[in-house]
Amino acid sequence: MSRAFVNEDAGTGEAPRYTLPPREDPAFDLAAARALLHGADVGDTASAESATSYYWGEPKLRPLVERILDEAREDQNERLEQLAERFLRVSERQSQARHF
């Protein structure tokens, strides 16, 4: 197998765990948005989607990810900024698709 496809930094194979408040908690959606971004950062969006019950780019989370993007820019966290921008691009496409 090509070394391009080998992840030497891969851990034990365990999916990340996401500590989320109860779904009825008003803070759930913000925690879910952060979990999705973290999942993307560690290369395991699927686990974050499973934990939050939201898919990557969920339009409902758009305002929260915009807030996270502002924080990332303020903190000069380029990686989080990049992930939030990607999320928002997908979210925009999903919003447009729902209108057709």
PDB file of N, CA and C in Angstrom:
ATOM      1  N   MET A   1       0.848  -1.175   0.000  1.00  0.00           N
ATOM      2  CA  MET A   1       0.000   0.000   0.000  1.00  0.00           C
ATOM      3  C   MET A   1       0.893   1.237   0.000  1.00  0.00           C
ATOM      4  N   SER A   2       0.489   2.217  -0.744  1.00  0.00           N
ATOM      5  CA  SER A   2       1.231   3.471  -0.806  1.00  0.00           C
ATOM      6  C   SER A   2       1.250   4.143   0.558  1.00  0.00           C
ATOM      7  N   ARG A   3       2.382   4.735   0.898  1.00  0.00           N
ATOM      8  CA  ARG A   3       2.477   5.445   2.179  1.00  0.00           C
ATOM      9  C   ARG A   3       1.544   6.635   2.216  1.00  0.00           C
ATOM     10  N   ALA A   4       1.086   7.098   1.067  1.00  0.00           N
ATOM     11  CA  ALA A   4       0.155   8.222   1.029  1.00  0.00           C
ATOM     12  C   ALA A   4      -1.156   7.869   1.708  1.00  0.00           C
ATOM     13  N   PHE A   5      -1.439   6.573   1.806  1.00  0.00           N
ATOM     14  CA  PHE A   5      -2.711   6.148   2.379  1.00  0.00           C
ATOM     15  C   PHE A   5      -2.571   5.555   3.772  1.00  0.00           C
ATOM     16  N   VAL A   6      -1.412   5.668   4.350  1.00  0.00           N
ATOM     17  CA  VAL A   6      -1.174   5.133   5.686  1.00  0.00           C
ATOM     18  C   VAL A   6      -1.162   6.277   6.685  1.00  0.00           C
ATOM     19  N   ASN A   7      -1.997   6.164   7.699  1.00  0.00           N
ATOM     20  CA  ASN A   7      -2.038   7.174   8.749  1.00  0.00           C
ATOM     21  C   ASN A   7      -1.262   6.651   9.945  1.00  0.00           C
ATOM     22  N   GLU A   8      -0.002   7.042  10.034  1.00  0.00           N
ATOM     23  CA  GLU A   8       0.836   6.563  11.126  1.00  0.00           C
ATOM     24  C   GLU A   8       0.438   7.160  12.468  1.00  0.00           C
ATOM     25  N   ASP A   9      -0.316   8.241  12.446  1.00  0.00           N
ATOM     26  CA  ASP A   9      -0.732   8.878  13.683  1.00  0.00           C
ATOM     27  C   ASP A   9      -2.061   8.334  14.191  1.00  0.00           C
ATOM     28  N   ALA A  10      -2.614   7.373  13.491  1.00  0.00           N
ATOM     29  CA  ALA A  10      -3.905   6.827  13.897  1.00  0.00           C
ATOM     30  C   ALA A  10      -3.781   6.247  15.299  1.00  0.00           C
ATOM     31  N   GLY A  11      -4.807   6.478  16.090  1.00  0.00           N
ATOM     32  CA  GLY A  11      -4.785   6.002  17.469  1.00  0.00           C
ATOM     33  C   GLY A  11      -5.169   4.546  17.563  1.00  0.00           C
ATOM     34  N   THR A  12      -5.902   4.223  18.577  1.00  0.00           N
ATOM     35  CA  THR A  12      -6.273   2.842  18.842  1.00  0.00           C
ATOM     36  C   THR A  12      -7.439   2.395  17.978  1.00  0.00           C
ATOM     37  N   GLY A  13      -7.949   3.279  17.166  1.00  0.00           N
ATOM     38  CA  GLY A  13      -9.089   2.926  16.344  1.00  0.00           C
ATOM     39  C   GLY A  13     -10.408   3.258  17.012  1.00  0.00           C
ATOM     40  N   GLU A  14     -10.346   3.725  18.244  1.00  0.00           N
ATOM     41  CA  GLU A  14     -11.571   4.099  18.936  1.00  0.00           C
ATOM     42  C   GLU A  14     -12.061   5.440  18.416  1.00  0.00           C
ATOM     43  N   ALA A  15     -13.364   5.545  18.238  1.00  0.00           N
ATOM     44  CA  ALA A  15     -13.956   6.804  17.809  1.00  0.00           C
ATOM     45  C   ALA A  15     -13.894   7.803  18.961  1.00  0.00           C
ATOM     46  N   PRO A  16     -13.744   9.088  18.624  1.00  0.00           N
ATOM     47  CA  PRO A  16     -13.756  10.091  19.688  1.00  0.00           C
ATOM     48  C   PRO A  16     -15.092  10.070  20.430  1.00  0.00           C
ATOM     49  N   ARG A  17     -15.042  10.434  21.675  1.00  0.00           N
ATOM     50  CA  ARG A  17     -16.284  10.546  22.456  1.00  0.00           C
ATOM     51  C   ARG A  17     -16.634  12.017  22.563  1.00  0.00           C
ATOM     52  N   TYR A  18     -17.898  12.307  22.429  1.00  0.00           N
ATOM     53  CA  TYR A  18     -18.363  13.689  22.475  1.00  0.00           C
ATOM     54  C   TYR A  18     -19.284  13.844  23.676  1.00  0.00           C
ATOM     55  N   THR A  19     -18.891  14.716  24.593  1.00  0.00           N
ATOM     56  CA  THR A  19     -19.707  14.994  25.756  1.00  0.00           C
ATOM     57  C   THR A  19     -20.663  16.116  25.383  1.00  0.00           C
ATOM     58  N   LEU A  20     -21.917  15.770  25.310  1.00  0.00           N
ATOM     59  CA  LEU A  20     -22.946  16.726  24.905  1.00  0.00           C
ATOM     60  C   LEU A  20     -23.986  16.852  26.002  1.00  0.00           C
ATOM     61  N   PRO A  21     -24.564  18.054  26.134  1.00  0.00           N
ATOM     62  CA  PRO A  21     -25.666  18.200  27.088  1.00  0.00           C
ATOM     63  C   PRO A  21     -26.889  17.446  26.556  1.00  0.00           C
ATOM     64  N   PRO A  22     -27.897  17.266  27.388  1.00  0.00           N
ATOM     65  CA  PRO A  22     -29.125  16.631  26.896  1.00  0.00           C
ATOM     66  C   PRO A  22     -29.694  17.415  25.703  1.00  0.00           C
ATOM     67  N   ARG A  23     -30.338  16.705  24.798  1.00  0.00           N
ATOM     68  CA  ARG A  23     -30.852  17.319  23.578  1.00  0.00           C
ATOM     69  C   ARG A  23     -31.788  18.494  23.868  1.00  0.00           C
ATOM     70  N   GLU A  24     -32.513  18.443  24.948  1.00  0.00           N
ATOM     71  CA  GLU A  24     -33.464  19.517  25.273  1.00  0.00           C
ATOM     72  C   GLU A  24     -32.783  20.746  25.887  1.00  0.00           C
ATOM     73  N   ASP A  25     -31.512  20.620  26.232  1.00  0.00           N
ATOM     74  CA  ASP A  25     -30.746  21.741  26.786  1.00  0.00           C
ATOM     75  C   ASP A  25     -30.514  22.785  25.693  1.00  0.00           C
ATOM     76  N   PRO A  26     -30.746  24.068  25.984  1.00  0.00           N
ATOM     77  CA  PRO A  26     -30.526  25.110  24.977  1.00  0.00           C
ATOM     78  C   PRO A  26     -29.086  25.165  24.450  1.00  0.00           C
ATOM     79  N   ALA A  27     -28.143  24.627  25.191  1.00  0.00           N
ATOM     80  CA  ALA A  27     -26.746  24.642  24.767  1.00  0.00           C
ATOM     81  C   ALA A  27     -26.397  23.464  23.848  1.00  0.00           C
ATOM     82  N   PHE A  28     -27.349  22.571  23.612  1.00  0.00           N
ATOM     83  CA  PHE A  28     -27.051  21.371  22.829  1.00  0.00           C
ATOM     84  C   PHE A  28     -26.576  21.707  21.420  1.00  0.00           C
ATOM     85  N   ASP A  29     -27.265  22.589  20.733  1.00  0.00           N
ATOM     86  CA  ASP A  29     -26.910  22.861  19.340  1.00  0.00           C
ATOM     87  C   ASP A  29     -25.505  23.462  19.206  1.00  0.00           C
ATOM     88  N   LEU A  30     -25.125  24.333  20.110  1.00  0.00           N
ATOM     89  CA  LEU A  30     -23.771  24.893  20.067  1.00  0.00           C
ATOM     90  C   LEU A  30     -22.744  23.794  20.332  1.00  0.00           C
ATOM     91  N   ALA A  31     -23.022  22.938  21.307  1.00  0.00           N
ATOM     92  CA  ALA A  31     -22.117  21.825  21.592  1.00  0.00           C
ATOM     93  C   ALA A  31     -22.043  20.876  20.396  1.00  0.00           C
ATOM     94  N   ALA A  32     -23.171  20.675  19.723  1.00  0.00           N
ATOM     95  CA  ALA A  32     -23.195  19.811  18.542  1.00  0.00           C
ATOM     96  C   ALA A  32     -22.367  20.418  17.410  1.00  0.00           C
ATOM     97  N   ALA A  33     -22.491  21.716  17.216  1.00  0.00           N
ATOM     98  CA  ALA A  33     -21.708  22.392  16.175  1.00  0.00           C
ATOM     99  C   ALA A  33     -20.215  22.238  16.463  1.00  0.00           C
ATOM    100  N   ARG A  34     -19.838  22.445  17.714  1.00  0.00           N
ATOM    101  CA  ARG A  34     -18.428  22.289  18.083  1.00  0.00           C
ATOM    102  C   ARG A  34     -17.962  20.839  17.901  1.00  0.00           C
ATOM    103  N   ALA A  35     -18.826  19.887  18.233  1.00  0.00           N
ATOM    104  CA  ALA A  35     -18.475  18.471  18.070  1.00  0.00           C
ATOM    105  C   ALA A  35     -18.279  18.124  16.600  1.00  0.00           C
ATOM    106  N   LEU A  36     -19.128  18.639  15.736  1.00  0.00           N
ATOM    107  CA  LEU A  36     -18.975  18.370  14.304  1.00  0.00           C
ATOM    108  C   LEU A  36     -17.662  18.936  13.774  1.00  0.00           C
ATOM    109  N   LEU A  37     -17.328  20.132  14.201  1.00  0.00           N
ATOM    110  CA  LEU A  37     -16.070  20.746  13.770  1.00  0.00           C
ATOM    111  C   LEU A  37     -14.878  19.961  14.318  1.00  0.00           C
ATOM    112  N   HIS A  38     -14.981  19.526  15.571  1.00  0.00           N
ATOM    113  CA  HIS A  38     -13.896  18.731  16.160  1.00  0.00           C
ATOM    114  C   HIS A  38     -13.766  17.394  15.428  1.00  0.00           C
ATOM    115  N   GLY A  39     -14.883  16.766  15.140  1.00  0.00           N
ATOM    116  CA  GLY A  39     -14.853  15.499  14.409  1.00  0.00           C
ATOM    117  C   GLY A  39     -14.161  15.652  13.068  1.00  0.00           C
ATOM    118  N   ALA A  40     -14.469  16.739  12.374  1.00  0.00           N
ATOM    119  CA  ALA A  40     -13.808  16.993  11.092  1.00  0.00           C
ATOM    120  C   ALA A  40     -12.313  17.210  11.297  1.00  0.00           C
ATOM    121  N   ASP A  41     -11.967  17.866  12.373  1.00  0.00           N
ATOM    122  CA  ASP A  41     -10.553  18.149  12.639  1.00  0.00           C
ATOM    123  C   ASP A  41      -9.756  16.867  12.873  1.00  0.00           C
ATOM    124  N   VAL A  42     -10.354  15.897  13.529  1.00  0.00           N
ATOM    125  CA  VAL A  42      -9.647  14.650  13.813  1.00  0.00           C
ATOM    126  C   VAL A  42      -9.922  13.583  12.757  1.00  0.00           C
ATOM    127  N   GLY A  43     -10.636  13.967  11.700  1.00  0.00           N
ATOM    128  CA  GLY A  43     -10.880  13.036  10.606  1.00  0.00           C
ATOM    129  C   GLY A  43     -11.950  12.010  10.886  1.00  0.00           C
ATOM    130  N   ASP A  44     -12.899  12.334  11.765  1.00  0.00           N
ATOM    131  CA  ASP A  44     -13.959  11.387  12.099  1.00  0.00           C
ATOM    132  C   ASP A  44     -15.299  12.101  12.196  1.00  0.00           C
ATOM    133  N   THR A  45     -15.696  12.694  11.100  1.00  0.00           N
ATOM    134  CA  THR A  45     -16.974  13.392  11.059  1.00  0.00           C
ATOM    135  C   THR A  45     -18.131  12.443  11.341  1.00  0.00           C
ATOM    136  N   ALA A  46     -18.023  11.207  10.880  1.00  0.00           N
ATOM    137  CA  ALA A  46     -19.109  10.246  11.049  1.00  0.00           C
ATOM    138  C   ALA A  46     -19.463  10.031  12.528  1.00  0.00           C
ATOM    139  N   SER A  47     -18.464   9.936  13.377  1.00  0.00           N
ATOM    140  CA  SER A  47     -18.747   9.754  14.811  1.00  0.00           C
ATOM    141  C   SER A  47     -19.436  10.974  15.404  1.00  0.00           C
ATOM    142  N   ALA A  48     -18.999  12.154  14.973  1.00  0.00           N
ATOM    143  CA  ALA A  48     -19.632  13.383  15.462  1.00  0.00           C
ATOM    144  C   ALA A  48     -21.073  13.469  14.977  1.00  0.00           C
ATOM    145  N   GLU A  49     -21.295  13.080  13.728  1.00  0.00           N
ATOM    146  CA  GLU A  49     -22.668  13.089  13.202  1.00  0.00           C
ATOM    147  C   GLU A  49     -23.538  12.114  13.986  1.00  0.00           C
ATOM    148  N   SER A  50     -22.996  10.965  14.286  1.00  0.00           N
ATOM    149  CA  SER A  50     -23.739   9.962  15.046  1.00  0.00           C
ATOM    150  C   SER A  50     -24.054  10.455  16.462  1.00  0.00           C
ATOM    151  N   ALA A  51     -23.087  11.086  17.097  1.00  0.00           N
ATOM    152  CA  ALA A  51     -23.263  11.565  18.471  1.00  0.00           C
ATOM    153  C   ALA A  51     -24.265  12.708  18.554  1.00  0.00           C
ATOM    154  N   THR A  52     -24.285  13.563  17.528  1.00  0.00           N
ATOM    155  CA  THR A  52     -25.124  14.761  17.580  1.00  0.00           C
ATOM    156  C   THR A  52     -26.464  14.599  16.877  1.00  0.00           C
ATOM    157  N   SER A  53     -26.568  13.610  16.017  1.00  0.00           N
ATOM    158  CA  SER A  53     -27.740  13.409  15.152  1.00  0.00           C
ATOM    159  C   SER A  53     -27.887  14.518  14.114  1.00  0.00           C
ATOM    160  N   TYR A  54     -26.837  15.267  13.883  1.00  0.00           N
ATOM    161  CA  TYR A  54     -26.798  16.277  12.829  1.00  0.00           C
ATOM    162  C   TYR A  54     -25.771  15.852  11.792  1.00  0.00           C
ATOM    163  N   TYR A  55     -26.044  16.190  10.553  1.00  0.00           N
ATOM    164  CA  TYR A  55     -25.079  15.937   9.489  1.00  0.00           C
ATOM    165  C   TYR A  55     -24.205  17.164   9.281  1.00  0.00           C
ATOM    166  N   TRP A  56     -23.029  16.931   8.720  1.00  0.00           N
ATOM    167  CA  TRP A  56     -22.104  18.011   8.373  1.00  0.00           C
ATOM    168  C   TRP A  56     -22.815  18.983   7.442  1.00  0.00           C
ATOM    169  N   GLY A  57     -22.808  20.249   7.806  1.00  0.00           N
ATOM    170  CA  GLY A  57     -23.441  21.284   6.993  1.00  0.00           C
ATOM    171  C   GLY A  57     -24.892  21.552   7.360  1.00  0.00           C
ATOM    172  N   GLU A  58     -25.371  20.996   8.435  1.00  0.00           N
ATOM    173  CA  GLU A  58     -26.769  21.180   8.855  1.00  0.00           C
ATOM    174  C   GLU A  58     -27.120  22.663   8.905  1.00  0.00           C
ATOM    175  N   PRO A  59     -28.058  23.114   8.065  1.00  0.00           N
ATOM    176  CA  PRO A  59     -28.408  24.543   8.020  1.00  0.00           C
ATOM    177  C   PRO A  59     -28.870  25.114   9.368  1.00  0.00           C
ATOM    178  N   LYS A  60     -29.496  24.298  10.188  1.00  0.00           N
ATOM    179  CA  LYS A  60     -29.964  24.779  11.497  1.00  0.00           C
ATOM    180  C   LYS A  60     -28.801  25.283  12.361  1.00  0.00           C
ATOM    181  N   LEU A  61     -27.613  24.716  12.146  1.00  0.00           N
ATOM    182  CA  LEU A  61     -26.450  25.086  12.959  1.00  0.00           C
ATOM    183  C   LEU A  61     -25.671  26.257  12.382  1.00  0.00           C
ATOM    184  N   ARG A  62     -26.077  26.748  11.232  1.00  0.00           N
ATOM    185  CA  ARG A  62     -25.339  27.803  10.537  1.00  0.00           C
ATOM    186  C   ARG A  62     -25.040  29.021  11.419  1.00  0.00           C
ATOM    187  N   PRO A  63     -26.019  29.605  12.116  1.00  0.00           N
ATOM    188  CA  PRO A  63     -25.705  30.778  12.948  1.00  0.00           C
ATOM    189  C   PRO A  63     -24.684  30.472  14.052  1.00  0.00           C
ATOM    190  N   LEU A  64     -24.714  29.266  14.562  1.00  0.00           N
ATOM    191  CA  LEU A  64     -23.779  28.893  15.624  1.00  0.00           C
ATOM    192  C   LEU A  64     -22.371  28.712  15.065  1.00  0.00           C
ATOM    193  N   VAL A  65     -22.281  28.121  13.883  1.00  0.00           N
ATOM    194  CA  VAL A  65     -20.965  27.945  13.260  1.00  0.00           C
ATOM    195  C   VAL A  65     -20.412  29.300  12.829  1.00  0.00           C
ATOM    196  N   GLU A  66     -21.278  30.217  12.425  1.00  0.00           N
ATOM    197  CA  GLU A  66     -20.811  31.579  12.117  1.00  0.00           C
ATOM    198  C   GLU A  66     -20.208  32.224  13.362  1.00  0.00           C
ATOM    199  N   ARG A  67     -20.836  31.994  14.506  1.00  0.00           N
ATOM    200  CA  ARG A  67     -20.306  32.512  15.775  1.00  0.00           C
ATOM    201  C   ARG A  67     -18.957  31.877  16.105  1.00  0.00           C
ATOM    202  N   ILE A  68     -18.849  30.561  15.883  1.00  0.00           N
ATOM    203  CA  ILE A  68     -17.587  29.862  16.117  1.00  0.00           C
ATOM    204  C   ILE A  68     -16.518  30.389  15.163  1.00  0.00           C
ATOM    205  N   LEU A  69     -16.916  30.666  13.926  1.00  0.00           N
ATOM    206  CA  LEU A  69     -15.982  31.233  12.944  1.00  0.00           C
ATOM    207  C   LEU A  69     -15.450  32.580  13.420  1.00  0.00           C
ATOM    208  N   ASP A  70     -16.330  33.431  13.929  1.00  0.00           N
ATOM    209  CA  ASP A  70     -15.887  34.724  14.466  1.00  0.00           C
ATOM    210  C   ASP A  70     -14.883  34.537  15.601  1.00  0.00           C
ATOM    211  N   GLU A  71     -15.171  33.587  16.495  1.00  0.00           N
ATOM    212  CA  GLU A  71     -14.259  33.301  17.608  1.00  0.00           C
ATOM    213  C   GLU A  71     -12.915  32.799  17.088  1.00  0.00           C
ATOM    214  N   ALA A  72     -12.953  31.932  16.083  1.00  0.00           N
ATOM    215  CA  ALA A  72     -11.717  31.380  15.522  1.00  0.00           C
ATOM    216  C   ALA A  72     -10.869  32.487  14.906  1.00  0.00           C
ATOM    217  N   ARG A  73     -11.518  33.405  14.221  1.00  0.00           N
ATOM    218  CA  ARG A  73     -10.778  34.529  13.634  1.00  0.00           C
ATOM    219  C   ARG A  73     -10.173  35.407  14.720  1.00  0.00           C
ATOM    220  N   GLU A  74     -10.946  35.658  15.758  1.00  0.00           N
ATOM    221  CA  GLU A  74     -10.458  36.484  16.871  1.00  0.00           C
ATOM    222  C   GLU A  74      -9.268  35.819  17.556  1.00  0.00           C
ATOM    223  N   ASP A  75      -9.344  34.496  17.711  1.00  0.00           N
ATOM    224  CA  ASP A  75      -8.273  33.738  18.372  1.00  0.00           C
ATOM    225  C   ASP A  75      -7.136  33.374  17.414  1.00  0.00           C
ATOM    226  N   GLN A  76      -7.290  33.729  16.165  1.00  0.00           N
ATOM    227  CA  GLN A  76      -6.332  33.385  15.113  1.00  0.00           C
ATOM    228  C   GLN A  76      -6.099  31.877  15.029  1.00  0.00           C
ATOM    229  N   ASN A  77      -7.203  31.138  15.166  1.00  0.00           N
ATOM    230  CA  ASN A  77      -7.172  29.684  15.063  1.00  0.00           C
ATOM    231  C   ASN A  77      -7.501  29.331  13.612  1.00  0.00           C
ATOM    232  N   GLU A  78      -6.460  29.261  12.800  1.00  0.00           N
ATOM    233  CA  GLU A  78      -6.649  29.075  11.359  1.00  0.00           C
ATOM    234  C   GLU A  78      -7.325  27.750  11.018  1.00  0.00           C
ATOM    235  N   ARG A  79      -7.009  26.700  11.746  1.00  0.00           N
ATOM    236  CA  ARG A  79      -7.610  25.391  11.453  1.00  0.00           C
ATOM    237  C   ARG A  79      -9.111  25.422  11.723  1.00  0.00           C
ATOM    238  N   LEU A  80      -9.517  25.947  12.857  1.00  0.00           N
ATOM    239  CA  LEU A  80     -10.941  26.020  13.173  1.00  0.00           C
ATOM    240  C   LEU A  80     -11.645  26.946  12.188  1.00  0.00           C
ATOM    241  N   GLU A  81     -10.993  28.018  11.808  1.00  0.00           N
ATOM    242  CA  GLU A  81     -11.549  28.935  10.819  1.00  0.00           C
ATOM    243  C   GLU A  81     -11.796  28.203   9.496  1.00  0.00           C
ATOM    244  N   GLN A  82     -10.833  27.427   9.076  1.00  0.00           N
ATOM    245  CA  GLN A  82     -10.943  26.662   7.828  1.00  0.00           C
ATOM    246  C   GLN A  82     -12.112  25.664   7.901  1.00  0.00           C
ATOM    247  N   LEU A  83     -12.213  24.950   8.996  1.00  0.00           N
ATOM    248  CA  LEU A  83     -13.289  23.967   9.159  1.00  0.00           C
ATOM    249  C   LEU A  83     -14.652  24.635   9.187  1.00  0.00           C
ATOM    250  N   ALA A  84     -14.767  25.739   9.914  1.00  0.00           N
ATOM    251  CA  ALA A  84     -16.042  26.458   9.986  1.00  0.00           C
ATOM    252  C   ALA A  84     -16.443  26.978   8.613  1.00  0.00           C
ATOM    253  N   GLU A  85     -15.491  27.492   7.859  1.00  0.00           N
ATOM    254  CA  GLU A  85     -15.797  27.977   6.510  1.00  0.00           C
ATOM    255  C   GLU A  85     -16.275  26.839   5.615  1.00  0.00           C
ATOM    256  N   ARG A  86     -15.658  25.671   5.730  1.00  0.00           N
ATOM    257  CA  ARG A  86     -16.101  24.509   4.952  1.00  0.00           C
ATOM    258  C   ARG A  86     -17.520  24.112   5.332  1.00  0.00           C
ATOM    259  N   PHE A  87     -17.780  24.074   6.634  1.00  0.00           N
ATOM    260  CA  PHE A  87     -19.120  23.737   7.115  1.00  0.00           C
ATOM    261  C   PHE A  87     -20.140  24.705   6.520  1.00  0.00           C
ATOM    262  N   LEU A  88     -19.830  25.987   6.556  1.00  0.00           N
ATOM    263  CA  LEU A  88     -20.767  27.002   6.076  1.00  0.00           C
ATOM    264  C   LEU A  88     -20.995  26.895   4.566  1.00  0.00           C
ATOM    265  N   ARG A  89     -19.982  26.529   3.808  1.00  0.00           N
ATOM    266  CA  ARG A  89     -20.166  26.336   2.362  1.00  0.00           C
ATOM    267  C   ARG A  89     -21.137  25.185   2.096  1.00  0.00           C
ATOM    268  N   VAL A  90     -20.949  24.091   2.807  1.00  0.00           N
ATOM    269  CA  VAL A  90     -21.843  22.942   2.645  1.00  0.00           C
ATOM    270  C   VAL A  90     -23.248  23.312   3.106  1.00  0.00           C
ATOM    271  N   SER A  91     -23.332  24.023   4.202  1.00  0.00           N
ATOM    272  CA  SER A  91     -24.625  24.451   4.731  1.00  0.00           C
ATOM    273  C   SER A  91     -25.379  25.315   3.728  1.00  0.00           C
ATOM    274  N   GLU A  92     -24.663  26.213   3.082  1.00  0.00           N
ATOM    275  CA  GLU A  92     -25.285  27.082   2.082  1.00  0.00           C
ATOM    276  C   GLU A  92     -25.844  26.253   0.929  1.00  0.00           C
ATOM    277  N   ARG A  93     -25.076  25.284   0.463  1.00  0.00           N
ATOM    278  CA  ARG A  93     -25.545  24.420  -0.631  1.00  0.00           C
ATOM    279  C   ARG A  93     -26.773  23.627  -0.209  1.00  0.00           C
ATOM    280  N   GLN A  94     -26.772  23.130   1.028  1.00  0.00           N
ATOM    281  CA  GLN A  94     -27.919  22.362   1.507  1.00  0.00           C
ATOM    282  C   GLN A  94     -29.145  23.235   1.643  1.00  0.00           C
ATOM    283  N   SER A  95     -28.968  24.468   2.084  1.00  0.00           N
ATOM    284  CA  SER A  95     -30.093  25.403   2.200  1.00  0.00           C
ATOM    285  C   SER A  95     -30.694  25.691   0.822  1.00  0.00           C
ATOM    286  N   GLN A  96     -29.828  25.896  -0.153  1.00  0.00           N
ATOM    287  CA  GLN A  96     -30.299  26.169  -1.510  1.00  0.00           C
ATOM    288  C   GLN A  96     -31.022  24.970  -2.091  1.00  0.00           C
ATOM    289  N   ALA A  97     -30.519  23.786  -1.824  1.00  0.00           N
ATOM    290  CA  ALA A  97     -31.134  22.564  -2.350  1.00  0.00           C
ATOM    291  C   ALA A  97     -32.530  22.354  -1.764  1.00  0.00           C
ATOM    292  N   ARG A  98     -32.741  22.761  -0.545  1.00  0.00           N
ATOM    293  CA  ARG A  98     -34.054  22.597   0.098  1.00  0.00           C
ATOM    294  C   ARG A  98     -35.109  23.534  -0.471  1.00  0.00           C
ATOM    295  N   HIS A  99     -34.661  24.585  -1.125  1.00  0.00           N
ATOM    296  CA  HIS A  99     -35.592  25.571  -1.675  1.00  0.00           C
ATOM    297  C   HIS A  99     -36.077  25.184  -3.071  1.00  0.00           C
ATOM    298  N   PHE A 100     -35.533  24.104  -3.619  1.00  0.00           N
ATOM    299  CA  PHE A 100     -35.946  23.686  -4.967  1.00  0.00           C
ATOM    300  C   PHE A 100     -36.932  22.569  -4.915  1.00  0.00           C
TER     301      PHE A 100
END
